Amino acid sequence: GLDFDSNEEGNASNRVAFVGISNWALDPAKTNRGILVQREVPSSDELVVSAFGICSTDEPTLFLLQPFIPGMATAYLEIYSNPDRNEEREFFGLCDFYSLIKMIFSFCKKTKKRPSANQLIYVIRRNFGGFDVIDPVDIFRKHITFEVDVGDTLDLDSSPPGLIRANLIKTEPQYFDECRSLLLLTENYAALTILRQRFLVGDEDPVVIFGSSFSKDEEYTQICRIINRVKVCVATGRTVVLLNLDELCENLFAAFSQDYIYHGGQRFVNMGLGSRRVKCRVHKQFRLILIANREAVYKDFPIPLINRMEKHFLAMSSILTHQQQRIVEEVAAWV
């Protein structure tokens, strides 16, 4: 746009350019009126540079991680371009890779040693879970060395229940400054019962919001009530579990992606409907969990939302121990 007091042939410094950044697909009316710049998949060298930038806050830790970063970048690109990806959708994205780097950086900074095999397996499964077609650990093993450290004192549980429990810990984080919002892929919403019985036992009254397709529940006033309930939980530090509320994902995108604004030592997030948004203070113990059907996530969920959340598959089969799984297999073979 131009200043009201200037004309098109005036001083070039009076001309103002508008830059729009969007994670969502724009309609043709918008793209035809501007210059579209689309960010392509970064190369391995670009990923390495980005990872070095993330770790540059601590030079000794960066020195410990430097031999691992190129292999991690190559492994991520192999996962990204894997032919088994469902319908070529980007189930894993750059946010998963950056979160992986941040987690392993935190481990090395705490231990003052190179990452052990146990730590690598833990951070890989934390950030590349929920997609059982491929095993991300096997892919990373081809590109980096997993060193066994007998002196590793970190108690890390890399089982599916252990990874979910680590994300939901509300006490002061032992290793990481902050955990991403949690996306639980499930079948027939079995994850809700398991979540309440196994993982939210010590949580004081988690708020479970279940959406529906009834006409009255899709009205504007009802959607406003749901948004307001979430706002209260954000400010008071309660855990929110959302089910069957896919249509609200765009309105809660800033909360899911933890797009916080920091001011005066507090965190704030924009929440609301459409363009009507207000800044809400975010309590340190606030947790946001989204439960969705696995096939719906693979086929229909917005890719930017999937990339920004920590993903795990949660069903009765995923919480069984190895011994219990063997018994189930024996019974199934016998039947």
Protein backbone atom coordinates (compact mmCIF):
# COMPACT_ATOMS: atom_id res chain seq x y z
CA GLY A 1 0.00 0.00 0.00
CA LEU A 2 1.01 3.68 -0.29
CA ASP A 3 0.88 6.53 2.14
CA PHE A 4 -2.28 8.64 1.69
CA ASP A 5 -0.21 11.79 1.12
CA SER A 6 2.01 10.23 -1.54
CA ASN A 7 1.45 9.09 -5.09
CA GLU A 8 2.76 6.22 -7.11
CA GLU A 9 5.56 8.31 -8.58
CA GLY A 10 6.65 9.76 -5.25
CA ASN A 11 9.61 8.85 -3.14
CA ALA A 12 10.21 5.09 -3.17
CA SER A 13 10.75 5.16 0.61
CA ASN A 14 7.05 5.97 1.06
CA ARG A 15 5.99 2.72 -0.55
CA VAL A 16 5.08 -0.07 1.85
CA ALA A 17 5.21 -3.74 0.96
CA PHE A 18 3.05 -6.33 2.67
CA VAL A 19 4.44 -9.78 3.44
CA GLY A 20 2.05 -12.57 4.36
CA ILE A 21 3.26 -15.79 5.99
CA SER A 22 0.84 -18.69 6.15
CA ASN A 23 0.95 -22.38 7.06
CA TRP A 24 -2.39 -22.90 5.33
CA ALA A 25 -3.26 -23.17 1.65
CA LEU A 26 -4.41 -19.83 0.28
CA ASP A 27 -7.30 -19.49 -2.15
CA PRO A 28 -6.57 -18.42 -5.76
CA ALA A 29 -7.95 -14.92 -5.16
CA LYS A 30 -5.08 -14.23 -2.74
CA THR A 31 -2.28 -16.01 -4.57
CA ASN A 32 -3.11 -14.30 -7.89
CA ARG A 33 -2.67 -10.84 -6.33
CA GLY A 34 0.80 -11.34 -4.95
CA ILE A 35 4.14 -13.03 -5.46
CA LEU A 36 4.06 -16.57 -4.09
CA VAL A 37 7.28 -17.76 -2.48
CA GLN A 38 7.07 -21.38 -1.44
CA ARG A 39 9.66 -22.91 0.89
CA GLU A 40 10.87 -26.20 -0.47
CA VAL A 41 12.28 -29.12 1.49
CA PRO A 42 15.66 -28.04 2.93
CA SER A 43 18.79 -29.88 1.93
CA SER A 44 21.00 -31.79 4.33
CA ASP A 45 23.48 -28.91 4.48
CA GLU A 46 20.72 -26.44 5.35
CA LEU A 47 19.48 -28.72 8.15
CA VAL A 48 23.01 -28.96 9.54
CA VAL A 49 23.36 -25.18 9.55
CA SER A 50 20.02 -24.82 11.36
CA ALA A 51 20.99 -27.45 13.93
CA PHE A 52 24.32 -25.72 14.57
CA GLY A 53 22.40 -22.49 15.13
CA ILE A 54 20.12 -24.17 17.69
CA CYS A 55 23.13 -25.54 19.59
CA SER A 56 25.28 -22.41 19.30
CA THR A 57 24.20 -21.13 22.73
CA ASP A 58 26.69 -23.51 24.36
CA GLU A 59 29.96 -24.10 22.50
CA PRO A 60 31.18 -27.12 24.57
CA THR A 61 27.87 -28.92 24.02
CA LEU A 62 27.95 -28.09 20.31
CA PHE A 63 31.42 -29.64 20.13
CA LEU A 64 30.05 -32.88 21.64
CA LEU A 65 27.12 -33.00 19.21
CA GLN A 66 28.95 -31.91 16.07
CA PRO A 67 29.79 -35.46 14.82
CA PHE A 68 26.14 -36.55 15.16
CA ILE A 69 24.30 -33.65 13.50
CA PRO A 70 25.05 -34.44 9.80
CA GLY A 71 23.89 -38.03 10.28
CA MET A 72 20.73 -36.86 12.04
CA ALA A 73 19.95 -34.53 9.15
CA THR A 74 20.43 -37.32 6.62
CA ALA A 75 18.26 -39.69 8.66
CA TYR A 76 15.48 -37.09 8.89
CA LEU A 77 15.49 -36.58 5.11
CA GLU A 78 15.26 -40.34 4.62
CA ILE A 79 12.24 -40.50 6.93
CA TYR A 80 10.69 -37.52 5.17
CA SER A 81 11.12 -39.04 1.71
CA ASN A 82 10.25 -42.61 2.76
CA PRO A 83 8.01 -44.23 0.11
CA ASP A 84 5.81 -45.73 2.85
CA ARG A 85 4.51 -42.30 3.85
CA ASN A 86 0.74 -42.32 3.73
CA GLU A 87 -0.48 -40.63 0.52
CA GLU A 88 2.66 -38.47 0.42
CA ARG A 89 1.46 -36.40 3.39
CA GLU A 90 4.13 -34.82 5.57
CA PHE A 91 3.43 -36.69 8.78
CA PHE A 92 6.88 -35.72 10.05
CA GLY A 93 8.22 -32.23 9.45
CA LEU A 94 10.90 -29.73 10.39
CA CYS A 95 9.40 -29.14 13.85
CA ASP A 96 10.08 -32.79 14.68
CA PHE A 97 13.70 -32.48 13.57
CA TYR A 98 14.26 -29.24 15.48
CA SER A 99 12.67 -30.71 18.62
CA LEU A 100 14.96 -33.73 18.28
CA ILE A 101 18.01 -31.45 18.19
CA LYS A 102 16.81 -29.44 21.20
CA MET A 103 16.22 -32.57 23.28
CA ILE A 104 19.56 -34.20 22.58
CA PHE A 105 21.23 -30.82 23.14
CA SER A 106 19.62 -30.65 26.60
CA PHE A 107 20.88 -34.15 27.47
CA CYS A 108 24.45 -33.37 26.42
CA LYS A 109 24.40 -30.04 28.24
CA LYS A 110 23.33 -31.78 31.44
CA THR A 111 25.67 -34.78 31.29
CA LYS A 112 28.67 -32.99 29.67
CA LYS A 113 29.13 -36.10 27.52
CA ARG A 114 28.31 -37.30 24.04
CA PRO A 115 24.79 -38.74 23.67
CA SER A 116 24.44 -42.37 24.65
CA ALA A 117 22.44 -45.01 22.78
CA ASN A 118 19.70 -44.85 25.42
CA GLN A 119 19.37 -41.08 25.04
CA LEU A 120 19.30 -41.26 21.23
CA ILE A 121 16.59 -43.92 21.20
CA TYR A 122 14.55 -41.88 23.69
CA VAL A 123 14.63 -38.59 21.73
CA ILE A 124 14.02 -40.34 18.40
CA ARG A 125 10.92 -42.11 19.69
CA ARG A 126 9.71 -38.93 21.42
CA ASN A 127 9.81 -36.94 18.19
CA PHE A 128 9.14 -39.54 15.47
CA GLY A 129 6.33 -41.60 16.97
CA GLY A 130 2.77 -42.30 15.91
CA PHE A 131 3.58 -43.75 12.48
CA ASP A 132 4.08 -47.51 12.83
CA VAL A 133 4.81 -48.16 9.14
CA ILE A 134 8.49 -47.35 9.65
CA ASP A 135 10.88 -47.70 12.58
CA PRO A 136 12.72 -44.36 12.93
CA VAL A 137 15.37 -45.84 15.23
CA ASP A 138 16.49 -48.29 12.52
CA ILE A 139 16.79 -45.42 10.03
CA PHE A 140 18.87 -43.31 12.41
CA ARG A 141 21.14 -46.30 13.17
CA LYS A 142 22.23 -46.33 9.54
CA HIS A 143 23.59 -42.79 9.75
CA ILE A 144 24.84 -42.26 13.34
CA THR A 145 26.69 -44.40 15.85
CA PHE A 146 24.76 -45.50 18.93
CA GLU A 147 27.35 -45.59 21.71
CA VAL A 148 26.55 -47.60 24.83
CA ASP A 149 27.46 -45.64 27.95
CA VAL A 150 27.62 -47.87 31.01
CA GLY A 151 27.91 -44.75 33.15
CA ASP A 152 24.67 -43.24 31.86
CA THR A 153 22.69 -42.31 34.99
CA LEU A 154 19.63 -40.85 33.25
CA ASP A 155 16.52 -42.91 33.90
CA LEU A 156 14.79 -42.87 30.51
CA ASP A 157 11.80 -45.02 29.60
CA SER A 158 11.50 -45.34 25.81
CA SER A 159 8.36 -47.49 25.87
CA PRO A 160 5.14 -45.91 24.52
CA PRO A 161 3.65 -45.45 28.03
CA GLY A 162 6.93 -44.01 29.30
CA LEU A 163 7.14 -41.47 26.47
CA ILE A 164 3.56 -40.29 27.01
CA ARG A 165 4.07 -40.07 30.76
CA ALA A 166 7.22 -37.99 30.27
CA ASN A 167 5.29 -35.48 28.17
CA LEU A 168 2.57 -35.08 30.80
CA ILE A 169 4.82 -34.50 33.82
CA LYS A 170 3.71 -31.22 35.39
CA THR A 171 6.55 -30.85 37.84
CA GLU A 172 9.60 -28.77 37.00
CA PRO A 173 11.11 -30.36 33.86
CA GLN A 174 14.19 -32.37 34.64
CA TYR A 175 15.83 -32.19 31.23
CA PHE A 176 13.79 -29.97 28.89
CA ASP A 177 12.47 -26.44 29.25
CA GLU A 178 9.16 -27.32 27.64
CA CYS A 179 7.32 -30.23 26.01
CA ARG A 180 5.22 -29.98 22.89
CA SER A 181 1.47 -30.46 22.90
CA LEU A 182 0.44 -34.10 22.67
CA LEU A 183 -1.41 -35.75 19.79
CA LEU A 184 -2.62 -39.26 20.64
CA LEU A 185 -3.60 -41.42 17.70
CA THR A 186 -6.05 -44.12 18.66
CA GLU A 187 -8.78 -46.49 17.51
CA ASN A 188 -12.40 -46.05 18.62
CA TYR A 189 -11.27 -43.40 21.13
CA ALA A 190 -9.85 -46.10 23.40
CA ALA A 191 -7.07 -43.68 24.34
CA LEU A 192 -9.38 -41.63 26.57
CA THR A 193 -10.02 -44.47 29.01
CA ILE A 194 -6.37 -45.49 29.04
CA LEU A 195 -5.27 -41.89 29.50
CA ARG A 196 -7.48 -41.31 32.52
CA GLN A 197 -6.67 -44.64 34.17
CA ARG A 198 -2.94 -44.82 33.50
CA PHE A 199 -1.56 -41.33 32.95
CA LEU A 200 -3.85 -38.73 34.56
CA VAL A 201 -4.38 -40.50 37.87
CA GLY A 202 -2.54 -37.84 39.88
CA ASP A 203 -3.95 -34.95 37.87
CA GLU A 204 -6.60 -32.91 39.65
CA ASP A 205 -9.77 -33.12 37.56
CA PRO A 206 -8.57 -32.91 33.94
CA VAL A 207 -11.04 -31.20 31.62
CA VAL A 208 -12.34 -33.51 28.89
CA ILE A 209 -14.20 -31.79 26.03
CA PHE A 210 -15.95 -34.11 23.59
CA GLY A 211 -17.37 -32.56 20.44
CA SER A 212 -20.34 -33.82 18.47
CA SER A 213 -21.98 -33.42 15.07
CA PHE A 214 -25.38 -32.38 16.37
CA SER A 215 -26.57 -29.11 14.84
CA LYS A 216 -26.93 -27.34 18.21
CA ASP A 217 -23.34 -28.25 19.16
CA GLU A 218 -21.99 -26.66 15.97
CA GLU A 219 -23.57 -23.27 16.56
CA TYR A 220 -21.41 -20.21 17.05
CA THR A 221 -22.41 -19.78 20.71
CA GLN A 222 -21.47 -23.35 21.60
CA ILE A 223 -18.08 -23.01 19.91
CA CYS A 224 -17.50 -19.81 21.92
CA ARG A 225 -18.29 -21.70 25.13
CA ILE A 226 -15.68 -24.35 24.27
CA ILE A 227 -13.05 -21.73 23.49
CA ASN A 228 -13.78 -19.98 26.79
CA ARG A 229 -13.44 -23.27 28.71
CA VAL A 230 -10.05 -23.80 27.13
CA LYS A 231 -9.04 -20.21 27.97
CA VAL A 232 -9.81 -20.78 31.66
CA CYS A 233 -7.73 -23.95 31.68
CA VAL A 234 -4.84 -22.20 29.93
CA ALA A 235 -4.74 -19.54 32.65
CA THR A 236 -5.23 -21.92 35.62
CA GLY A 237 -2.85 -24.68 34.54
CA ARG A 238 -5.33 -27.53 34.12
CA THR A 239 -4.97 -30.36 31.63
CA VAL A 240 -7.34 -30.20 28.64
CA VAL A 241 -8.24 -33.29 26.61
CA LEU A 242 -9.99 -32.63 23.29
CA LEU A 243 -11.87 -35.29 21.32
CA ASN A 244 -13.85 -35.03 18.10
CA LEU A 245 -13.16 -31.30 17.83
CA ASP A 246 -11.27 -31.25 14.56
CA GLU A 247 -13.06 -28.11 13.38
CA LEU A 248 -11.58 -26.12 16.28
CA CYS A 249 -7.97 -26.99 15.48
CA GLU A 250 -7.43 -23.85 13.41
CA ASN A 251 -8.78 -21.61 16.21
CA LEU A 252 -6.52 -23.31 18.76
CA PHE A 253 -3.53 -23.55 16.42
CA ALA A 254 -1.43 -21.04 18.40
CA ALA A 255 -2.00 -23.04 21.59
CA PHE A 256 -1.23 -26.38 19.93
CA SER A 257 1.96 -25.05 18.34
CA GLN A 258 2.94 -23.13 21.52
CA ASP A 259 3.30 -19.89 19.62
CA TYR A 260 3.80 -17.91 22.82
CA ILE A 261 4.50 -14.23 23.39
CA TYR A 262 6.81 -13.52 26.33
CA HIS A 263 6.36 -10.36 28.36
CA GLY A 264 7.28 -9.53 31.94
CA GLY A 265 8.35 -13.10 32.68
CA GLN A 266 4.93 -14.45 31.62
CA ARG A 267 3.78 -16.38 28.57
CA PHE A 268 0.77 -15.34 26.48
CA VAL A 269 -0.99 -16.94 23.53
CA ASN A 270 -3.56 -15.60 21.07
CA MET A 271 -6.89 -17.41 21.32
CA GLY A 272 -10.31 -16.78 19.85
CA LEU A 273 -12.45 -17.27 16.75
CA GLY A 274 -11.33 -16.02 13.37
CA SER A 275 -9.88 -12.52 13.64
CA ARG A 276 -11.39 -11.96 17.08
CA ARG A 277 -8.52 -13.04 19.28
CA VAL A 278 -7.23 -11.99 22.68
CA LYS A 279 -3.99 -12.71 24.50
CA CYS A 280 -4.36 -15.24 27.31
CA ARG A 281 -1.76 -15.88 30.00
CA VAL A 282 -0.38 -19.42 29.85
CA HIS A 283 0.17 -21.21 33.15
CA LYS A 284 3.40 -23.24 33.42
CA GLN A 285 1.47 -26.43 34.24
CA PHE A 286 -1.01 -26.17 31.38
CA ARG A 287 -1.16 -29.25 29.15
CA LEU A 288 -3.12 -29.68 25.94
CA ILE A 289 -3.91 -33.16 24.60
CA LEU A 290 -5.66 -33.92 21.33
CA ILE A 291 -7.09 -37.43 20.83
CA ALA A 292 -8.01 -38.39 17.27
CA ASN A 293 -8.66 -41.46 15.18
CA ARG A 294 -5.46 -42.69 13.58
CA GLU A 295 -6.83 -42.95 10.04
CA ALA A 296 -8.39 -39.48 10.27
CA VAL A 297 -5.03 -38.01 11.25
CA TYR A 298 -3.22 -39.77 8.42
CA LYS A 299 -5.70 -38.62 5.77
CA ASP A 300 -7.46 -35.42 6.85
CA PHE A 301 -5.62 -33.56 9.61
CA PRO A 302 -3.89 -30.27 8.71
CA ILE A 303 -0.21 -30.97 8.07
CA PRO A 304 1.07 -27.89 10.01
CA LEU A 305 -0.84 -29.07 13.08
CA ILE A 306 0.54 -32.61 12.86
CA ASN A 307 4.12 -31.38 12.47
CA ARG A 308 3.99 -29.16 15.56
CA MET A 309 2.74 -31.78 18.02
CA GLU A 310 4.39 -34.73 19.72
CA LYS A 311 2.70 -37.81 18.29
CA HIS A 312 2.13 -41.24 19.82
CA PHE A 313 -0.18 -44.15 19.14
CA LEU A 314 -2.15 -45.19 22.22
CA ALA A 315 -4.31 -48.31 22.35
CA MET A 316 -4.54 -51.36 24.59
CA SER A 317 -1.87 -53.10 22.52
CA SER A 318 0.61 -50.25 23.00
CA ILE A 319 0.58 -50.37 26.82
CA LEU A 320 1.28 -54.11 27.08
CA THR A 321 4.66 -55.28 28.30
CA HIS A 322 6.82 -57.52 26.10
CA GLN A 323 5.75 -60.56 28.13
CA GLN A 324 2.08 -59.67 27.77
CA GLN A 325 2.51 -59.14 24.03
CA ARG A 326 4.05 -62.61 23.68
CA ILE A 327 1.09 -64.10 25.54
CA VAL A 328 -1.34 -62.30 23.23
CA GLU A 329 0.52 -63.60 20.18
CA GLU A 330 0.48 -67.16 21.55
CA VAL A 331 -3.23 -67.00 22.29
CA ALA A 332 -3.95 -65.54 18.84
CA ALA A 333 -1.92 -68.32 17.19
CA TRP A 334 -3.67 -70.95 19.28
CA VAL A 335 -7.14 -69.63 18.43
